[in-house]
Amino acid sequence: MGAWERAHTMSQLSTVKHRRNQWQATAKQRSDHHRDLRQQLARVKAERDQAKQDLKATHTRLRQLESPAPAGAVRPQVEVVWLSLPLF
């Protein structure tokens, strides 16, 4: 193997290493960006789910407050008599 062939082989090896390093750097940047997006998406989904849950709870409570009083809530007879006595 001559000096020229050795130099050519070293040049190819150097080129391969350089390209691989460039590819790895690009892949790391891309993965960092994707990781950030995944974390942000997870945070937004959790906030949205919590807001939906709070909204359901609020609607349920509002329906309970707006519902008419149960029919069993009548005044006792003694109280009705005392209220009606001054009318006569």
PDB file of N, CA and C in Angstrom:
ATOM      1  N   MET A   1       0.849  -1.162   0.000  1.00  0.00           N
ATOM      2  CA  MET A   1       0.000   0.000   0.000  1.00  0.00           C
ATOM      3  C   MET A   1       0.899   1.231   0.000  1.00  0.00           C
ATOM      4  N   GLY A   2       0.709   2.041  -0.986  1.00  0.00           N
ATOM      5  CA  GLY A   2       1.584   3.196  -1.147  1.00  0.00           C
ATOM      6  C   GLY A   2       1.125   4.372  -0.292  1.00  0.00           C
ATOM      7  N   ALA A   3       1.937   5.403  -0.323  1.00  0.00           N
ATOM      8  CA  ALA A   3       1.652   6.596   0.472  1.00  0.00           C
ATOM      9  C   ALA A   3       0.376   7.273  -0.019  1.00  0.00           C
ATOM     10  N   TRP A   4       0.187   7.264  -1.337  1.00  0.00           N
ATOM     11  CA  TRP A   4      -1.012   7.909  -1.882  1.00  0.00           C
ATOM     12  C   TRP A   4      -2.273   7.174  -1.446  1.00  0.00           C
ATOM     13  N   GLU A   5      -2.234   5.827  -1.492  1.00  0.00           N
ATOM     14  CA  GLU A   5      -3.390   5.030  -1.091  1.00  0.00           C
ATOM     15  C   GLU A   5      -3.691   5.209   0.386  1.00  0.00           C
ATOM     16  N   ARG A   6      -2.641   5.276   1.201  1.00  0.00           N
ATOM     17  CA  ARG A   6      -2.818   5.484   2.633  1.00  0.00           C
ATOM     18  C   ARG A   6      -3.436   6.853   2.896  1.00  0.00           C
ATOM     19  N   ALA A   7      -2.986   7.867   2.203  1.00  0.00           N
ATOM     20  CA  ALA A   7      -3.513   9.217   2.360  1.00  0.00           C
ATOM     21  C   ALA A   7      -4.973   9.270   1.918  1.00  0.00           C
ATOM     22  N   HIS A   8      -5.266   8.565   0.814  1.00  0.00           N
ATOM     23  CA  HIS A   8      -6.641   8.534   0.301  1.00  0.00           C
ATOM     24  C   HIS A   8      -7.570   7.837   1.314  1.00  0.00           C
ATOM     25  N   THR A   9      -7.099   6.733   1.908  1.00  0.00           N
ATOM     26  CA  THR A   9      -7.888   5.997   2.893  1.00  0.00           C
ATOM     27  C   THR A   9      -8.110   6.856   4.134  1.00  0.00           C
ATOM     28  N   MET A  10      -7.093   7.557   4.586  1.00  0.00           N
ATOM     29  CA  MET A  10      -7.216   8.435   5.742  1.00  0.00           C
ATOM     30  C   MET A  10      -8.182   9.574   5.456  1.00  0.00           C
ATOM     31  N   SER A  11      -8.127  10.062   4.213  1.00  0.00           N
ATOM     32  CA  SER A  11      -9.029  11.134   3.831  1.00  0.00           C
ATOM     33  C   SER A  11     -10.479  10.654   3.875  1.00  0.00           C
ATOM     34  N   GLN A  12     -10.718   9.431   3.388  1.00  0.00           N
ATOM     35  CA  GLN A  12     -12.074   8.880   3.429  1.00  0.00           C
ATOM     36  C   GLN A  12     -12.546   8.685   4.873  1.00  0.00           C
ATOM     37  N   LEU A  13     -11.654   8.172   5.712  1.00  0.00           N
ATOM     38  CA  LEU A  13     -11.983   7.953   7.112  1.00  0.00           C
ATOM     39  C   LEU A  13     -12.303   9.275   7.802  1.00  0.00           C
ATOM     40  N   SER A  14     -11.514  10.286   7.521  1.00  0.00           N
ATOM     41  CA  SER A  14     -11.746  11.603   8.092  1.00  0.00           C
ATOM     42  C   SER A  14     -13.096  12.163   7.641  1.00  0.00           C
ATOM     43  N   THR A  15     -13.423  11.974   6.376  1.00  0.00           N
ATOM     44  CA  THR A  15     -14.698  12.450   5.835  1.00  0.00           C
ATOM     45  C   THR A  15     -15.864  11.738   6.514  1.00  0.00           C
ATOM     46  N   VAL A  16     -15.736  10.429   6.687  1.00  0.00           N
ATOM     47  CA  VAL A  16     -16.800   9.655   7.337  1.00  0.00           C
ATOM     48  C   VAL A  16     -17.005  10.129   8.773  1.00  0.00           C
ATOM     49  N   LYS A  17     -15.906  10.310   9.492  1.00  0.00           N
ATOM     50  CA  LYS A  17     -16.005  10.769  10.882  1.00  0.00           C
ATOM     51  C   LYS A  17     -16.645  12.148  10.961  1.00  0.00           C
ATOM     52  N   HIS A  18     -16.247  13.044  10.077  1.00  0.00           N
ATOM     53  CA  HIS A  18     -16.795  14.400  10.066  1.00  0.00           C
ATOM     54  C   HIS A  18     -18.300  14.372   9.789  1.00  0.00           C
ATOM     55  N   ARG A  19     -18.720  13.592   8.788  1.00  0.00           N
ATOM     56  CA  ARG A  19     -20.152  13.499   8.450  1.00  0.00           C
ATOM     57  C   ARG A  19     -20.946  12.896   9.603  1.00  0.00           C
ATOM     58  N   ARG A  20     -20.363  11.879  10.240  1.00  0.00           N
ATOM     59  CA  ARG A  20     -21.047  11.244  11.364  1.00  0.00           C
ATOM     60  C   ARG A  20     -21.218  12.233  12.521  1.00  0.00           C
ATOM     61  N   ASN A  21     -20.186  13.028  12.774  1.00  0.00           N
ATOM     62  CA  ASN A  21     -20.281  14.025  13.841  1.00  0.00           C
ATOM     63  C   ASN A  21     -21.344  15.075  13.523  1.00  0.00           C
ATOM     64  N   GLN A  22     -21.398  15.483  12.255  1.00  0.00           N
ATOM     65  CA  GLN A  22     -22.433  16.452  11.852  1.00  0.00           C
ATOM     66  C   GLN A  22     -23.821  15.848  12.038  1.00  0.00           C
ATOM     67  N   TRP A  23     -23.973  14.593  11.628  1.00  0.00           N
ATOM     68  CA  TRP A  23     -25.264  13.920  11.736  1.00  0.00           C
ATOM     69  C   TRP A  23     -25.676  13.785  13.204  1.00  0.00           C
ATOM     70  N   GLN A  24     -24.715  13.421  14.063  1.00  0.00           N
ATOM     71  CA  GLN A  24     -25.023  13.266  15.485  1.00  0.00           C
ATOM     72  C   GLN A  24     -25.421  14.601  16.110  1.00  0.00           C
ATOM     73  N   ALA A  25     -24.724  15.661  15.755  1.00  0.00           N
ATOM     74  CA  ALA A  25     -25.063  16.978  16.304  1.00  0.00           C
ATOM     75  C   ALA A  25     -26.464  17.394  15.875  1.00  0.00           C
ATOM     76  N   THR A  26     -26.809  17.166  14.609  1.00  0.00           N
ATOM     77  CA  THR A  26     -28.143  17.504  14.110  1.00  0.00           C
ATOM     78  C   THR A  26     -29.203  16.667  14.822  1.00  0.00           C
ATOM     79  N   ALA A  27     -28.926  15.381  15.020  1.00  0.00           N
ATOM     80  CA  ALA A  27     -29.875  14.493  15.687  1.00  0.00           C
ATOM     81  C   ALA A  27     -30.096  14.929  17.133  1.00  0.00           C
ATOM     82  N   LYS A  28     -29.042  15.346  17.817  1.00  0.00           N
ATOM     83  CA  LYS A  28     -29.185  15.806  19.200  1.00  0.00           C
ATOM     84  C   LYS A  28     -30.031  17.065  19.277  1.00  0.00           C
ATOM     85  N   GLN A  29     -29.799  17.997  18.361  1.00  0.00           N
ATOM     86  CA  GLN A  29     -30.611  19.225  18.349  1.00  0.00           C
ATOM     87  C   GLN A  29     -32.081  18.896  18.110  1.00  0.00           C
ATOM     88  N   ARG A  30     -32.320  18.016  17.158  1.00  0.00           N
ATOM     89  CA  ARG A  30     -33.684  17.632  16.815  1.00  0.00           C
ATOM     90  C   ARG A  30     -34.353  16.934  18.009  1.00  0.00           C
ATOM     91  N   SER A  31     -33.627  16.037  18.670  1.00  0.00           N
ATOM     92  CA  SER A  31     -34.217  15.313  19.799  1.00  0.00           C
ATOM     93  C   SER A  31     -34.488  16.249  20.972  1.00  0.00           C
ATOM     94  N   ASP A  32     -33.602  17.216  21.202  1.00  0.00           N
ATOM     95  CA  ASP A  32     -33.843  18.192  22.277  1.00  0.00           C
ATOM     96  C   ASP A  32     -35.109  18.982  21.994  1.00  0.00           C
ATOM     97  N   HIS A  33     -35.277  19.402  20.751  1.00  0.00           N
ATOM     98  CA  HIS A  33     -36.467  20.178  20.367  1.00  0.00           C
ATOM     99  C   HIS A  33     -37.721  19.323  20.528  1.00  0.00           C
ATOM    100  N   HIS A  34     -37.665  18.064  20.076  1.00  0.00           N
ATOM    101  CA  HIS A  34     -38.831  17.176  20.182  1.00  0.00           C
ATOM    102  C   HIS A  34     -39.153  16.879  21.637  1.00  0.00           C
ATOM    103  N   ARG A  35     -38.130  16.709  22.463  1.00  0.00           N
ATOM    104  CA  ARG A  35     -38.355  16.463  23.889  1.00  0.00           C
ATOM    105  C   ARG A  35     -39.060  17.663  24.522  1.00  0.00           C
ATOM    106  N   ASP A  36     -38.617  18.861  24.183  1.00  0.00           N
ATOM    107  CA  ASP A  36     -39.263  20.065  24.701  1.00  0.00           C
ATOM    108  C   ASP A  36     -40.725  20.129  24.273  1.00  0.00           C
ATOM    109  N   LEU A  37     -40.996  19.798  23.008  1.00  0.00           N
ATOM    110  CA  LEU A  37     -42.377  19.822  22.516  1.00  0.00           C
ATOM    111  C   LEU A  37     -43.239  18.782  23.226  1.00  0.00           C
ATOM    112  N   ARG A  38     -42.681  17.588  23.445  1.00  0.00           N
ATOM    113  CA  ARG A  38     -43.437  16.535  24.145  1.00  0.00           C
ATOM    114  C   ARG A  38     -43.767  16.959  25.569  1.00  0.00           C
ATOM    115  N   GLN A  39     -42.814  17.553  26.256  1.00  0.00           N
ATOM    116  CA  GLN A  39     -43.047  17.996  27.628  1.00  0.00           C
ATOM    117  C   GLN A  39     -44.084  19.112  27.662  1.00  0.00           C
ATOM    118  N   GLN A  40     -43.986  20.037  26.729  1.00  0.00           N
ATOM    119  CA  GLN A  40     -44.947  21.132  26.669  1.00  0.00           C
ATOM    120  C   GLN A  40     -46.348  20.597  26.365  1.00  0.00           C
ATOM    121  N   LEU A  41     -46.441  19.642  25.447  1.00  0.00           N
ATOM    122  CA  LEU A  41     -47.728  19.048  25.102  1.00  0.00           C
ATOM    123  C   LEU A  41     -48.330  18.319  26.307  1.00  0.00           C
ATOM    124  N   ALA A  42     -47.515  17.593  27.035  1.00  0.00           N
ATOM    125  CA  ALA A  42     -47.995  16.885  28.222  1.00  0.00           C
ATOM    126  C   ALA A  42     -48.505  17.880  29.260  1.00  0.00           C
ATOM    127  N   ARG A  43     -47.805  18.998  29.438  1.00  0.00           N
ATOM    128  CA  ARG A  43     -48.214  20.010  30.396  1.00  0.00           C
ATOM    129  C   ARG A  43     -49.542  20.646  29.980  1.00  0.00           C
ATOM    130  N   VAL A  44     -49.678  20.950  28.699  1.00  0.00           N
ATOM    131  CA  VAL A  44     -50.911  21.564  28.198  1.00  0.00           C
ATOM    132  C   VAL A  44     -52.085  20.593  28.337  1.00  0.00           C
ATOM    133  N   LYS A  45     -51.858  19.308  28.024  1.00  0.00           N
ATOM    134  CA  LYS A  45     -52.923  18.311  28.157  1.00  0.00           C
ATOM    135  C   LYS A  45     -53.361  18.174  29.611  1.00  0.00           C
ATOM    136  N   ALA A  46     -52.405  18.163  30.525  1.00  0.00           N
ATOM    137  CA  ALA A  46     -52.746  18.046  31.946  1.00  0.00           C
ATOM    138  C   ALA A  46     -53.563  19.260  32.400  1.00  0.00           C
ATOM    139  N   GLU A  47     -53.168  20.450  31.968  1.00  0.00           N
ATOM    140  CA  GLU A  47     -53.924  21.661  32.326  1.00  0.00           C
ATOM    141  C   GLU A  47     -55.330  21.606  31.743  1.00  0.00           C
ATOM    142  N   ARG A  48     -55.448  21.152  30.492  1.00  0.00           N
ATOM    143  CA  ARG A  48     -56.755  21.062  29.843  1.00  0.00           C
ATOM    144  C   ARG A  48     -57.654  20.057  30.558  1.00  0.00           C
ATOM    145  N   ASP A  49     -57.096  18.895  30.905  1.00  0.00           N
ATOM    146  CA  ASP A  49     -57.879  17.879  31.592  1.00  0.00           C
ATOM    147  C   ASP A  49     -58.342  18.375  32.964  1.00  0.00           C
ATOM    148  N   GLN A  50     -57.468  19.094  33.667  1.00  0.00           N
ATOM    149  CA  GLN A  50     -57.842  19.643  34.971  1.00  0.00           C
ATOM    150  C   GLN A  50     -58.944  20.677  34.816  1.00  0.00           C
ATOM    151  N   ALA A  51     -58.853  21.505  33.783  1.00  0.00           N
ATOM    152  CA  ALA A  51     -59.882  22.522  33.547  1.00  0.00           C
ATOM    153  C   ALA A  51     -61.219  21.860  33.219  1.00  0.00           C
ATOM    154  N   LYS A  52     -61.201  20.800  32.421  1.00  0.00           N
ATOM    155  CA  LYS A  52     -62.438  20.079  32.102  1.00  0.00           C
ATOM    156  C   LYS A  52     -63.053  19.485  33.365  1.00  0.00           C
ATOM    157  N   GLN A  53     -62.208  18.908  34.194  1.00  0.00           N
ATOM    158  CA  GLN A  53     -62.698  18.304  35.433  1.00  0.00           C
ATOM    159  C   GLN A  53     -63.304  19.368  36.352  1.00  0.00           C
ATOM    160  N   ASP A  54     -62.642  20.504  36.464  1.00  0.00           N
ATOM    161  CA  ASP A  54     -63.168  21.603  37.282  1.00  0.00           C
ATOM    162  C   ASP A  54     -64.492  22.116  36.728  1.00  0.00           C
ATOM    163  N   LEU A  55     -64.585  22.207  35.413  1.00  0.00           N
ATOM    164  CA  LEU A  55     -65.816  22.676  34.784  1.00  0.00           C
ATOM    165  C   LEU A  55     -66.967  21.717  35.058  1.00  0.00           C
ATOM    166  N   LYS A  56     -66.722  20.421  34.951  1.00  0.00           N
ATOM    167  CA  LYS A  56     -67.768  19.442  35.244  1.00  0.00           C
ATOM    168  C   LYS A  56     -68.223  19.557  36.693  1.00  0.00           C
ATOM    169  N   ALA A  57     -67.272  19.692  37.606  1.00  0.00           N
ATOM    170  CA  ALA A  57     -67.614  19.808  39.016  1.00  0.00           C
ATOM    171  C   ALA A  57     -68.436  21.073  39.265  1.00  0.00           C
ATOM    172  N   THR A  58     -68.068  22.156  38.608  1.00  0.00           N
ATOM    173  CA  THR A  58     -68.802  23.421  38.768  1.00  0.00           C
ATOM    174  C   THR A  58     -70.218  23.295  38.224  1.00  0.00           C
ATOM    175  N   HIS A  59     -70.365  22.660  37.061  1.00  0.00           N
ATOM    176  CA  HIS A  59     -71.702  22.471  36.484  1.00  0.00           C
ATOM    177  C   HIS A  59     -72.571  21.593  37.383  1.00  0.00           C
ATOM    178  N   THR A  60     -71.977  20.554  37.935  1.00  0.00           N
ATOM    179  CA  THR A  60     -72.724  19.669  38.829  1.00  0.00           C
ATOM    180  C   THR A  60     -73.194  20.436  40.055  1.00  0.00           C
ATOM    181  N   ARG A  61     -72.314  21.201  40.633  1.00  0.00           N
ATOM    182  CA  ARG A  61     -72.671  21.990  41.830  1.00  0.00           C
ATOM    183  C   ARG A  61     -73.733  23.024  41.483  1.00  0.00           C
ATOM    184  N   LEU A  62     -73.618  23.662  40.331  1.00  0.00           N
ATOM    185  CA  LEU A  62     -74.595  24.661  39.916  1.00  0.00           C
ATOM    186  C   LEU A  62     -75.968  24.028  39.723  1.00  0.00           C
ATOM    187  N   ARG A  63     -76.012  22.841  39.108  1.00  0.00           N
ATOM    188  CA  ARG A  63     -77.296  22.148  38.926  1.00  0.00           C
ATOM    189  C   ARG A  63     -77.923  21.796  40.272  1.00  0.00           C
ATOM    190  N   GLN A  64     -77.082  21.404  41.222  1.00  0.00           N
ATOM    191  CA  GLN A  64     -77.598  21.072  42.549  1.00  0.00           C
ATOM    192  C   GLN A  64     -78.174  22.309  43.229  1.00  0.00           C
ATOM    193  N   LEU A  65     -77.500  23.439  43.065  1.00  0.00           N
ATOM    194  CA  LEU A  65     -77.975  24.670  43.700  1.00  0.00           C
ATOM    195  C   LEU A  65     -79.232  25.208  43.028  1.00  0.00           C
ATOM    196  N   GLU A  66     -79.357  25.008  41.734  1.00  0.00           N
ATOM    197  CA  GLU A  66     -80.513  25.524  41.010  1.00  0.00           C
ATOM    198  C   GLU A  66     -81.722  24.602  41.074  1.00  0.00           C
ATOM    199  N   SER A  67     -81.517  23.348  41.457  1.00  0.00           N
ATOM    200  CA  SER A  67     -82.635  22.416  41.490  1.00  0.00           C
ATOM    201  C   SER A  67     -83.626  22.851  42.570  1.00  0.00           C
ATOM    202  N   PRO A  68     -84.928  22.617  42.330  1.00  0.00           N
ATOM    203  CA  PRO A  68     -85.917  23.024  43.327  1.00  0.00           C
ATOM    204  C   PRO A  68     -85.748  22.217  44.606  1.00  0.00           C
ATOM    205  N   ALA A  69     -86.211  22.793  45.696  1.00  0.00           N
ATOM    206  CA  ALA A  69     -86.106  22.123  46.989  1.00  0.00           C
ATOM    207  C   ALA A  69     -86.947  20.856  46.956  1.00  0.00           C
ATOM    208  N   PRO A  70     -86.522  19.846  47.649  1.00  0.00           N
ATOM    209  CA  PRO A  70     -87.296  18.611  47.642  1.00  0.00           C
ATOM    210  C   PRO A  70     -88.702  18.837  48.223  1.00  0.00           C
ATOM    211  N   ALA A  71     -89.672  18.035  47.769  1.00  0.00           N
ATOM    212  CA  ALA A  71     -91.068  18.207  48.167  1.00  0.00           C
ATOM    213  C   ALA A  71     -91.264  17.941  49.650  1.00  0.00           C
ATOM    214  N   GLY A  72     -90.398  17.242  50.287  1.00  0.00           N
ATOM    215  CA  GLY A  72     -90.555  16.920  51.707  1.00  0.00           C
ATOM    216  C   GLY A  72     -90.279  18.094  52.615  1.00  0.00           C
ATOM    217  N   ALA A  73     -89.870  19.205  52.093  1.00  0.00           N
ATOM    218  CA  ALA A  73     -89.524  20.358  52.927  1.00  0.00           C
ATOM    219  C   ALA A  73     -90.758  21.229  53.122  1.00  0.00           C
ATOM    220  N   VAL A  74     -91.670  20.788  53.945  1.00  0.00           N
ATOM    221  CA  VAL A  74     -92.867  21.574  54.279  1.00  0.00           C
ATOM    222  C   VAL A  74     -92.756  22.037  55.713  1.00  0.00           C
ATOM    223  N   ARG A  75     -93.449  23.099  56.025  1.00  0.00           N
ATOM    224  CA  ARG A  75     -93.389  23.633  57.378  1.00  0.00           C
ATOM    225  C   ARG A  75     -94.189  22.725  58.327  1.00  0.00           C
ATOM    226  N   PRO A  76     -93.700  22.578  59.495  1.00  0.00           N
ATOM    227  CA  PRO A  76     -94.466  21.791  60.472  1.00  0.00           C
ATOM    228  C   PRO A  76     -95.808  22.473  60.774  1.00  0.00           C
ATOM    229  N   GLN A  77     -96.788  21.681  61.171  1.00  0.00           N
ATOM    230  CA  GLN A  77     -98.150  22.192  61.380  1.00  0.00           C
ATOM    231  C   GLN A  77     -98.187  23.233  62.496  1.00  0.00           C
ATOM    232  N   VAL A  78     -97.404  23.060  63.530  1.00  0.00           N
ATOM    233  CA  VAL A  78     -97.393  24.014  64.649  1.00  0.00           C
ATOM    234  C   VAL A  78     -96.935  25.377  64.154  1.00  0.00           C
ATOM    235  N   GLU A  79     -95.920  25.383  63.319  1.00  0.00           N
ATOM    236  CA  GLU A  79     -95.408  26.655  62.798  1.00  0.00           C
ATOM    237  C   GLU A  79     -96.446  27.335  61.923  1.00  0.00           C
ATOM    238  N   VAL A  80     -97.172  26.576  61.121  1.00  0.00           N
ATOM    239  CA  VAL A  80     -98.211  27.134  60.274  1.00  0.00           C
ATOM    240  C   VAL A  80     -99.319  27.749  61.127  1.00  0.00           C
ATOM    241  N   VAL A  81     -99.669  27.098  62.219  1.00  0.00           N
ATOM    242  CA  VAL A  81    -100.720  27.618  63.115  1.00  0.00           C
ATOM    243  C   VAL A  81    -100.269  28.932  63.731  1.00  0.00           C
ATOM    244  N   TRP A  82     -99.068  28.993  64.219  1.00  0.00           N
ATOM    245  CA  TRP A  82     -98.580  30.224  64.843  1.00  0.00           C
ATOM    246  C   TRP A  82     -98.474  31.363  63.818  1.00  0.00           C
ATOM    247  N   LEU A  83     -98.171  31.036  62.588  1.00  0.00           N
ATOM    248  CA  LEU A  83     -98.104  32.068  61.560  1.00  0.00           C
ATOM    249  C   LEU A  83     -99.506  32.564  61.165  1.00  0.00           C
ATOM    250  N   SER A  84    -100.473  31.684  61.220  1.00  0.00           N
ATOM    251  CA  SER A  84    -101.823  32.079  60.785  1.00  0.00           C
ATOM    252  C   SER A  84    -102.648  32.722  61.888  1.00  0.00           C
ATOM    253  N   LEU A  85    -102.314  32.552  63.149  1.00  0.00           N
ATOM    254  CA  LEU A  85    -103.085  33.125  64.249  1.00  0.00           C
ATOM    255  C   LEU A  85    -103.193  34.654  64.171  1.00  0.00           C
ATOM    256  N   PRO A  86    -102.116  35.365  63.904  1.00  0.00           N
ATOM    257  CA  PRO A  86    -102.266  36.820  63.860  1.00  0.00           C
ATOM    258  C   PRO A  86    -103.184  37.295  62.713  1.00  0.00           C
ATOM    259  N   LEU A  87    -103.432  36.444  61.742  1.00  0.00           N
ATOM    260  CA  LEU A  87    -104.274  36.851  60.617  1.00  0.00           C
ATOM    261  C   LEU A  87    -105.744  36.913  61.016  1.00  0.00           C
ATOM    262  N   PHE A  88    -106.141  36.221  62.056  1.00  0.00           N
ATOM    263  CA  PHE A  88    -107.556  36.205  62.442  1.00  0.00           C
ATOM    264  C   PHE A  88    -107.876  37.189  63.487  1.00  0.00           C
TER     265      PHE A  88
END
